[in-house]
Protein backbone atom coordinates (compact mmCIF):
# COMPACT_ATOMS: atom_id res chain seq x y z
CA MET A 1 24.88 9.28 -4.45
CA ALA A 2 22.27 6.53 -4.85
CA ASP A 3 23.71 3.29 -3.50
CA LEU A 4 20.68 1.02 -3.66
CA LYS A 5 19.07 -0.14 -6.91
CA ILE A 6 15.32 -0.56 -6.37
CA GLY A 7 12.52 -2.27 -8.26
CA VAL A 8 8.79 -1.93 -7.54
CA ILE A 9 6.21 -4.57 -8.43
CA GLY A 10 2.75 -3.05 -8.74
CA SER A 11 2.05 0.63 -9.39
CA GLY A 12 -1.50 1.07 -8.08
CA GLY A 13 -2.72 2.92 -5.01
CA HIS A 14 -0.55 1.14 -2.44
CA ALA A 15 2.55 1.64 -4.58
CA GLN A 16 2.17 5.41 -4.84
CA LEU A 17 3.35 6.15 -1.30
CA HIS A 18 6.32 3.81 -1.67
CA LEU A 19 7.28 5.34 -5.01
CA LYS A 20 7.16 8.82 -3.48
CA MET A 21 9.35 7.78 -0.55
CA ILE A 22 11.84 6.05 -2.87
CA LYS A 23 11.99 9.20 -5.02
CA LEU A 24 12.86 11.29 -1.93
CA GLU A 25 15.45 8.83 -0.56
CA PRO A 26 18.88 9.95 -1.93
CA ARG A 27 20.46 6.55 -1.26
CA MET A 28 17.97 4.80 -3.55
CA ARG A 29 17.72 4.69 -7.34
CA LEU A 30 14.46 3.60 -8.95
CA VAL A 31 15.72 1.19 -11.57
CA ALA A 32 12.51 -0.55 -12.59
CA VAL A 33 8.74 -0.79 -12.11
CA ALA A 34 6.62 -3.78 -13.15
CA ASP A 35 2.84 -3.89 -13.54
CA LEU A 36 0.43 -5.95 -15.64
CA ASP A 37 -1.64 -2.82 -16.32
CA GLU A 38 0.10 -0.84 -19.05
CA THR A 39 -1.91 2.32 -18.32
CA ARG A 40 -0.80 2.37 -14.68
CA LEU A 41 2.72 1.52 -15.78
CA ALA A 42 2.80 4.50 -18.15
CA GLN A 43 1.52 6.78 -15.38
CA ALA A 44 4.20 5.54 -13.00
CA HIS A 45 6.86 6.10 -15.67
CA ALA A 46 5.65 9.64 -16.28
CA GLU A 47 5.56 10.58 -12.58
CA PHE A 48 8.50 8.67 -11.09
CA ALA A 49 10.80 8.10 -14.09
CA PRO A 50 12.09 4.57 -13.46
CA GLU A 51 14.93 3.60 -15.77
CA GLN A 52 12.91 0.65 -17.12
CA THR A 53 9.35 -0.66 -17.00
CA PHE A 54 8.08 -4.21 -17.39
CA THR A 55 4.75 -5.99 -17.65
CA ASP A 56 6.34 -9.18 -16.25
CA TYR A 57 8.04 -8.95 -12.85
CA ARG A 58 10.18 -12.02 -13.61
CA ALA A 59 11.55 -10.26 -16.67
CA MET A 60 12.33 -7.29 -14.43
CA LEU A 61 14.22 -9.52 -12.01
CA ASP A 62 16.10 -11.15 -14.89
CA ALA A 63 17.09 -7.86 -16.48
CA SER A 64 17.87 -5.75 -13.39
CA ASP A 65 20.55 -6.31 -10.76
CA LEU A 66 18.43 -5.07 -7.87
CA ASP A 67 19.37 -4.51 -4.23
CA ALA A 68 15.75 -4.53 -3.11
CA VAL A 69 12.23 -4.99 -4.43
CA TYR A 70 8.99 -3.47 -3.14
CA ILE A 71 5.96 -5.74 -3.63
CA CYS A 72 2.86 -3.52 -3.76
CA THR A 73 0.18 -5.86 -5.06
CA MET A 74 -3.10 -7.16 -3.66
CA PRO A 75 -2.70 -9.74 -0.86
CA MET A 76 -3.78 -12.70 -3.00
CA SER A 77 -0.83 -12.07 -5.36
CA ILE A 78 1.93 -11.53 -2.80
CA LEU A 79 3.05 -15.09 -1.99
CA PRO A 80 4.30 -16.30 -5.41
CA ILE A 81 5.95 -12.95 -6.14
CA ALA A 82 7.65 -12.84 -2.74
CA LEU A 83 8.88 -16.43 -3.03
CA GLU A 84 10.37 -15.61 -6.44
CA CYS A 85 12.14 -12.48 -5.17
CA LEU A 86 13.35 -14.05 -1.93
CA GLY A 87 14.38 -17.22 -3.71
CA ARG A 88 16.71 -15.09 -5.82
CA GLY A 89 18.16 -13.52 -2.67
CA VAL A 90 16.65 -10.08 -3.32
CA ASN A 91 15.89 -7.99 -0.24
CA THR A 92 12.14 -7.48 -0.19
CA SER A 93 9.61 -4.98 1.17
CA ILE A 94 6.06 -6.34 1.33
CA GLU A 95 2.83 -4.36 1.62
CA LYS A 96 0.59 -5.36 4.48
CA PRO A 97 -0.76 -7.87 5.05
CA ALA A 98 2.19 -10.17 4.41
CA GLY A 99 0.14 -12.67 2.41
CA MET A 100 -3.37 -13.99 2.84
CA ASN A 101 -2.63 -15.51 6.23
CA SER A 102 0.21 -16.27 8.64
CA GLY A 103 0.85 -19.61 6.94
CA GLU A 104 1.85 -17.72 3.79
CA THR A 105 3.97 -15.33 5.87
CA ARG A 106 5.86 -18.31 7.31
CA GLN A 107 6.52 -19.62 3.80
CA MET A 108 8.12 -16.28 2.95
CA ILE A 109 10.18 -16.35 6.14
CA ALA A 110 11.55 -19.77 5.20
CA ALA A 111 12.48 -18.51 1.73
CA ALA A 112 14.21 -15.43 3.18
CA GLN A 113 16.15 -17.51 5.70
CA ALA A 114 17.28 -19.89 2.97
CA SER A 115 18.60 -17.10 0.75
CA GLY A 116 19.74 -14.60 3.40
CA ALA A 117 17.53 -11.81 2.00
CA LYS A 118 16.29 -9.08 4.34
CA THR A 119 12.55 -8.45 4.61
CA ILE A 120 10.37 -5.61 5.82
CA ALA A 121 6.57 -5.51 6.15
CA SER A 122 4.87 -2.18 5.51
CA PHE A 123 3.42 -1.38 8.93
CA ASP A 124 3.90 2.33 8.38
CA ARG A 125 2.34 3.46 11.69
CA ARG A 126 5.48 2.31 13.47
CA PHE A 127 7.53 4.80 11.48
CA GLN A 128 5.38 7.91 11.98
CA GLN A 129 7.44 10.50 13.84
CA GLU A 130 4.55 11.30 16.19
CA VAL A 131 4.12 7.62 17.09
CA LEU A 132 7.86 7.27 17.73
CA ALA A 133 7.88 10.40 19.91
CA VAL A 134 4.88 9.18 21.91
CA ARG A 135 6.55 5.79 22.29
CA ALA A 136 9.68 7.48 23.64
CA LEU A 137 7.59 9.31 26.25
CA LEU A 138 5.95 6.04 27.28
CA GLN A 139 9.31 4.33 27.65
CA GLU A 140 10.71 7.21 29.70
CA ARG A 141 7.98 6.38 32.24
CA GLY A 142 8.74 2.69 32.39
CA GLY A 143 6.66 1.65 29.38
CA ALA A 144 2.98 1.64 28.53
CA GLU A 145 0.57 0.28 31.13
CA HIS A 146 -2.48 0.17 28.86
CA VAL A 147 -2.99 0.66 25.12
CA VAL A 148 -6.26 0.85 23.16
CA ALA A 149 -7.00 0.93 19.44
CA ASN A 150 -10.21 1.23 17.42
CA PHE A 151 -10.35 0.51 13.70
CA HIS A 152 -13.79 1.41 12.34
CA TYR A 153 -14.73 1.06 8.67
CA PRO A 154 -17.81 1.20 6.44
CA SER A 155 -19.24 -2.19 5.50
CA LEU A 156 -17.02 -3.80 2.88
CA ALA A 157 -19.94 -4.24 0.48
CA ASP A 158 -20.63 -0.49 0.68
CA LEU A 159 -16.96 0.43 0.46
CA TYR A 160 -16.40 -1.49 -2.79
CA ARG A 161 -19.83 -0.98 -4.39
CA ASP A 162 -18.78 1.87 -6.72
CA LEU A 163 -15.38 0.43 -7.64
CA PRO A 164 -14.68 -1.34 -10.97
CA ASN A 165 -14.70 -4.71 -9.17
CA PRO A 166 -17.39 -4.43 -6.46
CA ASP A 167 -16.91 -8.04 -5.33
CA LEU A 168 -13.16 -7.72 -4.82
CA TRP A 169 -13.56 -7.58 -1.05
CA ARG A 170 -14.73 -11.21 -1.08
CA LYS A 171 -11.27 -12.28 -2.28
CA LEU A 172 -9.38 -10.35 0.41
CA PRO A 173 -8.40 -11.63 3.84
CA PRO A 174 -10.82 -10.69 6.65
CA MET A 175 -10.72 -6.97 7.40
CA ILE A 176 -8.81 -7.31 10.68
CA VAL A 177 -6.02 -9.08 8.73
CA CYS A 178 -6.23 -6.93 5.61
CA ALA A 179 -6.43 -3.47 7.24
CA GLY A 180 -7.09 -3.64 10.97
CA ILE A 181 -3.67 -5.25 11.31
CA HIS A 182 -2.22 -1.73 11.19
CA HIS A 183 -3.71 -1.02 14.61
CA VAL A 184 -3.10 -4.51 16.01
CA ASP A 185 0.57 -4.06 15.11
CA LEU A 186 0.55 -0.53 16.54
CA LEU A 187 -0.64 -1.89 19.89
CA ARG A 188 2.31 -4.30 19.92
CA TRP A 189 4.64 -1.41 19.08
CA LEU A 190 3.31 0.98 21.73
CA ALA A 191 3.38 -1.80 24.35
CA GLY A 192 7.07 -2.49 23.70
CA ARG A 193 9.67 -1.49 26.28
CA ALA A 194 12.91 -1.68 24.27
CA PRO A 195 13.81 0.61 21.34
CA GLY A 196 13.16 -1.17 18.05
CA GLU A 197 11.27 -4.05 19.67
CA ALA A 198 7.51 -4.65 19.80
CA ALA A 199 5.76 -6.52 22.59
CA ASP A 200 4.34 -10.01 22.08
CA ALA A 201 0.80 -10.90 23.13
CA ASP A 202 0.79 -13.53 25.87
CA GLU A 203 -2.94 -13.84 26.39
CA ILE A 204 -6.13 -12.71 24.65
CA TYR A 205 -9.86 -12.84 25.21
CA ALA A 206 -11.59 -12.16 21.91
CA HIS A 207 -15.10 -12.12 20.48
CA SER A 208 -15.65 -12.17 16.70
CA TRP A 209 -18.99 -11.88 14.91
CA ASP A 210 -20.73 -10.52 11.81
CA GLY A 211 -23.02 -7.50 11.84
CA PRO A 212 -26.50 -7.53 10.29
CA ARG A 213 -25.31 -6.39 6.85
CA GLU A 214 -23.09 -8.23 4.40
CA GLY A 215 -19.44 -7.31 4.79
CA SER A 216 -19.81 -6.14 8.41
CA GLN A 217 -17.07 -8.06 10.21
CA ARG A 218 -16.55 -7.16 13.87
CA GLN A 219 -14.12 -8.09 16.65
CA ASN A 220 -13.41 -7.07 20.24
CA ALA A 221 -10.37 -8.26 22.19
CA ILE A 222 -8.69 -7.79 25.56
CA LEU A 223 -4.93 -8.39 25.42
CA ARG A 224 -2.04 -8.95 27.81
CA PHE A 225 1.51 -8.46 26.53
CA ASP A 226 4.79 -9.97 27.66
CA THR A 227 5.92 -6.53 28.87
CA GLY A 228 3.12 -6.45 31.46
CA CYS A 229 1.12 -3.95 29.41
CA HIS A 230 -2.59 -4.63 28.88
CA GLY A 231 -4.59 -3.61 25.83
CA ALA A 232 -7.91 -3.54 24.05
CA MET A 233 -8.69 -3.75 20.33
CA MET A 234 -11.95 -3.09 18.49
CA THR A 235 -12.35 -3.67 14.75
CA HIS A 236 -15.82 -2.94 13.41
CA CYS A 237 -16.97 -2.74 9.79
CA GLY A 238 -20.31 -1.13 9.02
CA VAL A 239 -20.34 1.33 11.92
CA GLY A 240 -19.11 4.52 10.23
CA GLY A 241 -15.43 5.31 10.65
CA GLY A 242 -12.61 6.55 12.87
CA ARG A 243 -9.34 4.99 14.04
CA PRO A 244 -8.48 6.47 17.45
CA VAL A 245 -5.64 5.17 19.60
CA GLU A 246 -4.75 5.81 23.22
CA ALA A 247 -1.77 4.88 25.40
CA HIS A 248 -1.23 5.27 29.14
CA ALA A 249 1.86 5.12 31.34
CA GLU A 250 2.62 6.40 34.84
CA ASP A 251 1.29 9.99 34.96
CA LEU A 252 0.91 10.09 31.16
CA SER A 253 -2.09 9.66 28.84
CA VAL A 254 -1.96 10.15 25.07
CA TYR A 255 -4.89 10.18 22.60
CA PHE A 256 -4.45 10.39 18.82
CA ASP A 257 -5.58 9.12 15.43
CA PRO A 258 -2.70 8.12 13.10
CA ASN A 259 -4.92 9.09 10.15
CA GLY A 260 -5.62 12.61 11.44
CA PRO A 261 -6.50 15.32 12.16
CA HIS A 262 -3.27 16.96 11.05
CA ASP A 263 -1.77 20.41 11.61
CA LEU A 264 -0.71 22.79 8.85
CA PHE A 265 2.52 20.84 8.39
CA GLY A 266 0.74 17.52 7.90
CA ARG A 267 1.62 16.19 11.36
CA VAL A 268 -0.69 14.20 13.62
CA VAL A 269 -1.54 16.19 16.74
CA PRO A 270 -1.95 13.98 19.83
CA ARG A 271 -3.78 15.17 22.92
CA MET A 272 -1.63 14.48 25.99
CA PHE A 273 -2.02 14.71 29.74
CA VAL A 274 0.93 14.72 32.16
CA ASN A 275 0.33 14.49 35.91
CA GLY A 276 -3.37 15.02 35.29
CA LYS A 277 -2.94 18.28 33.34
CA GLU A 278 -3.12 18.79 29.59
CA TRP A 279 0.38 19.06 28.14
CA GLN A 280 0.88 22.04 25.82
CA HIS A 281 4.40 21.25 24.58
CA ARG A 282 5.32 19.98 21.13
CA LEU A 283 6.62 16.47 20.63
CA ASP A 284 10.36 16.20 20.05
CA LEU A 285 10.37 14.81 16.51
CA ASP A 286 14.07 15.50 15.91
CA ALA A 287 14.96 12.99 18.62
CA VAL A 288 13.23 10.20 16.68
CA GLY A 289 14.64 10.83 13.22
CA GLY A 290 13.07 14.14 12.24
CA ALA A 291 10.65 14.99 9.46
CA GLY A 292 12.52 13.00 6.79
CA PHE A 293 12.32 9.66 8.60
CA ASN A 294 9.99 6.96 7.26
CA GLU A 295 9.92 3.22 6.62
CA THR A 296 11.93 3.58 3.39
CA THR A 297 14.63 5.56 5.23
CA HIS A 298 14.72 2.80 7.84
CA PHE A 299 14.91 0.07 5.18
CA ALA A 300 17.80 1.86 3.48
CA ASP A 301 19.60 2.12 6.84
CA CYS A 302 19.15 -1.61 7.43
CA LEU A 303 20.34 -2.59 3.95
CA LEU A 304 23.44 -0.41 4.11
CA ASP A 305 24.29 -1.14 7.77
CA ASP A 306 23.33 -4.85 7.65
CA THR A 307 20.81 -4.58 10.49
CA GLU A 308 17.36 -6.12 10.88
CA PRO A 309 14.29 -3.99 10.07
CA TRP A 310 11.86 -3.33 12.92
CA THR A 311 9.10 -4.98 10.91
CA SER A 312 10.91 -7.96 9.43
CA LEU A 313 8.64 -10.84 8.44
CA GLU A 314 9.81 -12.69 11.57
CA ASP A 315 8.19 -9.91 13.58
CA ALA A 316 5.27 -9.28 11.21
CA VAL A 317 4.05 -12.88 11.51
CA LYS A 318 3.35 -12.22 15.19
CA SER A 319 0.91 -9.44 14.24
CA MET A 320 -0.62 -11.70 11.57
CA GLU A 321 -1.15 -14.48 14.09
CA LEU A 322 -2.57 -12.11 16.70
CA CYS A 323 -5.13 -10.86 14.15
CA GLU A 324 -6.09 -14.44 13.32
CA ALA A 325 -6.41 -15.42 16.96
CA ILE A 326 -8.73 -12.45 17.53
CA LEU A 327 -10.70 -13.42 14.40
CA ASP A 328 -11.03 -16.96 15.77
CA GLY A 329 -12.42 -15.59 19.03
CA HIS A 330 -9.60 -17.22 20.95
CA LYS A 331 -9.71 -17.03 24.73
CA GLY A 332 -6.62 -17.81 26.77
CA PRO A 333 -2.84 -17.93 26.28
CA MET A 334 -1.57 -17.32 22.76
CA SER A 335 0.51 -20.49 23.16
CA GLU A 336 -2.76 -22.46 23.07
CA TRP A 337 -3.98 -20.89 19.82
CA ARG A 338 -3.45 -22.89 16.66
CA PHE A 339 -3.44 -21.57 13.10
CA THR A 340 -6.83 -22.35 11.52
CA SER A 341 -7.10 -20.08 8.46
C-alpha cells in the first residue's frame, strides 16, 4: 500500500529518473506533477499517470496534501521553490546542485529547520549498489587511505551549441558546482569511515583556471579528510570525457566509473585488486540493499522511520562549499576558506 503522497516539480530530463523511481517504489503514490511547459506535462501524465497535473507549483501545493515534493528544475529556479515547499513544512528532495551556491543551500537549511521538514539532495552516486559495496570493502579494511576522482566534460559552449538555448550554460553555476559536485561528494562518501556518514575535508590545495576555449573550466585539488584519508580531484571541461574513480585501502585497490561500462544487467563493473592480485569475485550487492535500493527507497525509509537522509542539506552544503573552495583555488585548512560566490 502506498503510504507517501508525492508531488514532483519539473518534468524535464532530470525529473525522468526520479519519476521512474517513484513509480517503482510501492510505498509512494504520485499525486501530482507541476511544470510550466504543458507539452512536457502532458508527456509526464501519459507515461507516469499522476493523479493531477499543474502549471503552477503553488497551486499544486495548495490543492494536494503532500508528504514530500521532488524539485527537479534548473539550479537558478531551485531556491524560491524550495523555500516555498520547506516553509509549508513539506519534506523536500532537491536535484543537485542544491541551489546556485552554498549561500542558497544555507537559506534552505534554515527554512527546513524552522518548519521541521526533512531534506535530501540528489547525490545519486552514494546510493549505487556498487559504490555501497565498494565502500563496505574499504571500511572492512579500516577505511579508505586514498581516493581519486576525475570529472571530464566537453567544453560547455560545445555541449550546449545544438540545444534550443545554446547560451544556457552561462546562467548555470560553474561546472564543478553544477555537475562535478557528483564526484566531489563521492570522494567525501568513499573517504567516510562510519556507515551513513561522509568524511569532511579538513585541508585542500587547489588550482582553478580556464582553458583556451570558451566554457573550458578546469580545476585540480589535493584533499585531506578528517578521517585521515587523502584524495585528489580533477574537473576539466574541454578535454574530451570520462569520469573514472579509484579508492585504496590496506591491501585493496578499486577502479571504476559510476557512469559505466556496465554488464548485461546494467551494473557498474569495478576492477579490484586484493593483496596485489586481481580479485575475480562479484560484489555482495544484497548486503547493501540489493538491486531495488536507490535514493528514493532511502528517502521513503527516512520519511517513514523518521531518520535523517544520508544526503540531507546539512550534509550537502559541505560538498557545495568544498566545490567552491576548489573553484576559488583555496590553499590551506577549510576553516580558513570563506564563502565568496
